[in-house]
Protein backbone atom coordinates (compact mmCIF):
# COMPACT_ATOMS: atom_id res chain seq x y z
CA MET A 1 -4.11 -3.63 25.32
CA GLY A 2 -5.94 -6.66 23.92
CA LEU A 3 -7.34 -7.07 20.41
CA ALA A 4 -10.96 -6.68 21.57
CA GLN A 5 -10.17 -3.33 23.19
CA THR A 6 -8.20 -2.19 20.11
CA ILE A 7 -11.20 -2.95 17.89
CA LYS A 8 -13.59 -1.27 20.32
CA ASP A 9 -11.47 1.90 20.41
CA ASP A 10 -11.05 1.84 16.65
CA ILE A 11 -14.80 1.61 16.07
CA ALA A 12 -15.37 4.54 18.43
CA LEU A 13 -12.84 6.67 16.53
CA MET A 14 -14.43 5.73 13.22
CA LYS A 15 -17.89 6.73 14.42
CA GLU A 16 -16.58 10.07 15.68
CA ARG A 17 -14.52 10.99 12.61
CA PHE A 18 -16.70 9.40 9.91
CA PRO A 19 -20.28 9.55 11.27
CA LYS A 20 -21.93 8.62 7.96
CA LEU A 21 -20.15 5.27 7.85
CA THR A 22 -22.23 2.52 9.48
CA LEU A 23 -20.80 -0.53 11.20
CA ILE A 24 -22.24 -3.44 9.20
CA ASN A 25 -20.28 -6.32 10.70
CA ASP A 26 -18.66 -6.63 14.10
CA ASP A 27 -17.69 -10.19 14.83
CA GLY A 28 -15.07 -9.07 17.33
CA LYS A 29 -12.29 -9.77 14.84
CA ALA A 30 -12.78 -7.89 11.56
CA PRO A 31 -15.41 -5.13 11.58
CA SER A 32 -16.71 -3.71 8.30
CA PHE A 33 -18.25 -0.34 7.46
CA SER A 34 -20.45 0.98 4.70
CA GLY A 35 -21.97 4.36 3.90
CA ILE A 36 -21.05 7.88 2.87
CA LEU A 37 -17.59 9.38 3.12
CA ASP A 38 -17.63 13.18 3.11
CA VAL A 39 -14.50 14.92 1.85
CA CYS A 40 -13.86 18.33 3.40
CA ASP A 41 -11.01 20.83 3.50
CA GLU A 42 -8.98 21.61 6.63
CA THR A 43 -11.57 24.15 7.80
CA GLY A 44 -14.50 21.75 7.37
CA ASN A 45 -15.88 23.04 4.09
CA TRP A 46 -17.58 20.17 2.24
CA TYR A 47 -16.32 19.28 -1.23
CA ASP A 48 -18.08 16.06 -2.22
CA SER A 49 -19.11 12.62 -0.98
CA PHE A 50 -18.45 9.04 -1.99
CA SER A 51 -20.37 5.84 -1.28
CA VAL A 52 -17.87 3.34 0.13
CA ARG A 53 -17.48 -0.01 1.82
CA LEU A 54 -14.57 -0.75 4.11
CA ASP A 55 -13.48 -4.31 4.91
CA THR A 56 -10.85 -5.18 7.47
CA PRO A 57 -8.53 -8.19 7.22
CA VAL A 58 -8.80 -11.36 9.28
CA LYS A 59 -5.29 -10.69 10.62
CA TYR A 60 -6.38 -7.31 11.94
CA PRO A 61 -4.57 -5.12 12.79
CA TYR A 62 -1.62 -6.73 10.97
CA GLY A 63 -3.23 -6.92 7.55
CA VAL A 64 -4.28 -4.37 4.96
CA PRO A 65 -7.91 -3.16 4.96
CA ARG A 66 -9.71 -2.80 1.62
CA ILE A 67 -11.95 0.09 0.64
CA TYR A 68 -14.40 0.03 -2.27
CA GLU A 69 -16.00 2.97 -4.08
CA THR A 70 -19.53 1.64 -4.56
CA GLY A 71 -21.25 4.66 -6.11
CA ARG A 72 -19.29 4.49 -9.39
CA LEU A 73 -18.36 8.17 -9.26
CA ILE A 74 -14.80 7.15 -10.11
CA GLU A 75 -14.32 5.81 -13.63
CA ARG A 76 -13.11 2.20 -13.61
CA ILE A 77 -9.84 2.79 -15.46
CA ALA A 78 -6.20 2.36 -14.44
CA ASP A 79 -5.50 6.09 -14.47
CA ARG A 80 -8.01 6.53 -11.63
CA HIS A 81 -6.42 3.80 -9.50
CA VAL A 82 -9.60 1.79 -9.03
CA ASN A 83 -10.34 -1.78 -10.08
CA GLY A 84 -13.42 -3.07 -11.86
CA ASP A 85 -14.94 -4.31 -8.60
CA GLY A 86 -14.56 -0.84 -7.09
CA SER A 87 -11.60 -1.71 -4.87
CA CYS A 88 -9.38 1.34 -4.57
CA CYS A 89 -5.60 1.32 -5.03
CA VAL A 90 -4.90 3.77 -2.21
CA SER A 91 -1.15 3.06 -2.35
CA ILE A 92 1.26 0.50 -3.72
CA ASP A 93 1.07 -2.90 -1.98
CA HIS A 94 4.61 -2.65 -0.62
CA VAL A 95 3.88 0.53 1.33
CA LEU A 96 0.63 -0.88 2.71
CA LEU A 97 2.17 -4.21 3.71
CA TYR A 98 5.10 -2.49 5.40
CA ARG A 99 2.75 -0.22 7.32
CA ALA A 100 0.50 -3.14 8.30
CA SER A 101 3.46 -5.12 9.62
CA ARG A 102 3.65 -2.58 12.46
CA GLY A 103 -0.10 -2.66 13.07
CA LEU A 104 -2.62 -0.72 10.98
CA THR A 105 -6.00 0.05 12.55
CA ILE A 106 -9.06 0.87 10.47
CA TYR A 107 -8.97 4.45 11.65
CA ASP A 108 -5.30 4.91 10.79
CA PHE A 109 -5.88 3.30 7.39
CA MET A 110 -8.64 5.81 6.71
CA GLN A 111 -6.59 8.77 7.89
CA GLU A 112 -3.30 7.86 6.23
CA PHE A 113 -4.42 6.23 2.98
CA ALA A 114 -8.13 6.14 2.15
CA TYR A 115 -9.22 9.70 2.91
CA PRO A 116 -6.23 11.26 1.07
CA TYR A 117 -6.99 8.94 -1.86
CA PHE A 118 -10.55 10.26 -2.22
CA ALA A 119 -9.44 13.87 -1.72
CA ASN A 120 -6.91 13.31 -4.50
CA GLN A 121 -9.65 11.88 -6.72
CA LEU A 122 -11.55 15.15 -6.38
CA TYR A 123 -8.39 17.08 -7.23
CA PHE A 124 -7.98 14.92 -10.33
CA LYS A 125 -11.58 15.58 -11.32
CA ALA A 126 -11.04 19.33 -11.06
CA LYS A 127 -7.49 19.60 -12.43
CA GLY A 128 -7.01 16.55 -14.63
CA ARG A 129 -4.00 15.48 -12.58
CA TYR A 130 -3.20 14.33 -9.08
CA ALA A 131 -1.96 16.74 -6.41
CA ALA A 132 0.97 14.52 -5.49
CA SER A 133 3.18 12.07 -7.34
CA GLU A 134 1.69 8.67 -8.11
CA TYR A 135 3.03 5.22 -8.86
CA ALA A 136 2.89 3.99 -12.44
CA HIS A 137 0.43 1.22 -13.36
CA GLY A 138 1.25 -2.46 -13.15
CA PHE A 139 4.79 -3.70 -12.63
CA ALA A 140 6.18 -0.36 -13.77
CA GLY A 141 4.97 0.95 -10.43
CA VAL A 142 6.90 -1.78 -8.62
CA VAL A 143 10.07 -0.83 -10.51
CA GLN A 144 9.43 2.80 -9.58
CA PHE A 145 9.03 1.85 -5.91
CA TYR A 146 12.30 -0.09 -5.87
CA LYS A 147 14.15 2.85 -7.42
CA GLU A 148 12.60 5.68 -5.40
CA THR A 149 12.17 4.04 -2.00
CA LEU A 150 14.72 1.23 -1.87
CA HIS A 151 17.29 2.88 -4.18
CA ILE A 152 17.64 -0.29 -6.23
CA MET A 153 18.14 0.91 -9.76
CA ASP A 154 18.37 -2.27 -11.83
CA ALA A 155 16.58 -5.61 -12.15
CA ALA A 156 19.73 -7.68 -11.58
CA THR A 157 20.30 -6.21 -8.12
CA ALA A 158 16.62 -6.55 -7.24
CA LYS A 159 16.68 -10.22 -8.25
CA ILE A 160 19.74 -11.02 -6.14
CA LEU A 161 18.31 -9.25 -3.11
CA LEU A 162 14.91 -10.93 -3.42
CA SER A 163 16.46 -14.37 -3.95
CA SER A 164 18.73 -13.84 -0.93
CA ILE A 165 15.78 -12.95 1.29
CA LEU A 166 13.66 -15.85 0.06
CA ASN A 167 16.53 -18.34 0.41
CA ARG A 168 17.77 -16.84 3.69
CA THR A 169 21.26 -16.20 2.30
CA LEU A 170 21.63 -12.50 3.05
CA PRO A 171 25.11 -11.33 4.05
CA LEU A 172 25.86 -10.58 7.68
CA ARG A 173 25.96 -6.93 8.73
CA ASN A 174 29.71 -6.56 8.36
CA ASP A 175 30.09 -8.76 5.28
CA LEU A 176 30.55 -7.18 1.88
CA CYS A 177 27.26 -6.42 0.14
CA PHE A 178 26.12 -8.82 -2.56
CA CYS A 179 25.92 -6.03 -5.15
CA GLY A 180 29.69 -5.74 -5.68
CA SER A 181 29.99 -2.21 -4.28
CA ASN A 182 32.82 -3.29 -1.92
CA ARG A 183 30.84 -1.71 0.92
CA LYS A 184 29.66 -3.52 4.03
CA PHE A 185 26.12 -4.82 3.80
CA LYS A 186 24.98 -2.58 6.68
CA GLN A 187 26.19 0.45 4.71
CA CYS A 188 24.65 -0.62 1.43
CA HIS A 189 21.50 -2.70 0.85
CA MET A 190 20.68 -3.80 4.40
CA LYS A 191 17.92 -1.21 4.92
CA ALA A 192 16.27 -2.27 1.67
CA ALA A 193 16.43 -5.89 2.81
CA GLU A 194 14.92 -5.04 6.19
CA TYR A 195 12.03 -3.25 4.49
CA LEU A 196 11.32 -6.11 2.12
CA GLN A 197 11.45 -8.70 4.89
CA THR A 198 8.30 -7.15 6.40
CA ILE A 199 6.02 -7.45 3.38
CA GLY A 200 5.48 -11.19 3.12
CA ARG A 201 6.81 -14.05 1.05
CA THR A 202 4.03 -13.96 -1.56
CA ARG A 203 4.73 -10.35 -2.47
CA LEU A 204 8.48 -11.05 -2.67
CA GLU A 205 7.95 -14.07 -4.92
CA ASN A 206 5.72 -12.00 -7.21
CA ASP A 207 8.36 -9.26 -7.34
CA LEU A 208 11.08 -11.76 -8.20
CA SER A 209 9.02 -13.22 -11.06
CA GLY A 210 8.24 -9.71 -12.24
CA PHE A 211 11.88 -8.63 -12.27
CA GLU A 212 12.89 -11.79 -14.12
CA PHE A 213 10.39 -10.97 -16.87
CA TYR A 214 11.20 -7.24 -16.74
CA GLN A 215 14.90 -7.94 -17.22
CA LYS A 216 14.20 -10.12 -20.26
CA ILE A 217 12.06 -7.55 -22.04
CA THR A 218 14.36 -4.62 -21.25
CA GLU A 219 17.33 -6.53 -22.65
CA LEU A 220 15.60 -7.26 -25.97
CA PRO A 221 17.30 -5.54 -28.93
CA GLY A 222 15.71 -2.38 -30.39
């Protein structure tokens, strides 16, 4: 199926599932939407609504869409996972980039990331906490991701892995892993490397710089 048909089908799904979102730009490459997003429970009971704008990437569907909360119902603070311009942090970049590397349509982005984000915002408003676990703010969230998802528990290992990917010096499958575990690479950090190889050089370079700084400050005395 060609890109034009993918976009056409995606727009049709968006109109069916989110009827109050209006197509505001359809250049055949990166359609955008704006309007009202209703949040309902599983039985269709309405909870609340948000004014939003949804932009799709030029590399669609292999880039990450962006959604903005334009009605200012969400306070512009880090704890609410929204930036000053209204752009919403629906998940950590690494998860979004990995998902987009396999193709991420507008509709799937809404279903998997954006809609749950706004539902969770309403939960926070009512309960003062989020219904599910969340990533920490800033680079602490990156460290959390590496530990929880990639099972990389220290900055030194993260730095070696990132440098090896960027410099194309990863071990072969049956070579010993770089981490000194005396296990074959395929039985140790290969899955983490495969994940990171999908998220783009810029993100990896930023992570490497972050871990270099993180290691320095965590090794400072008292």
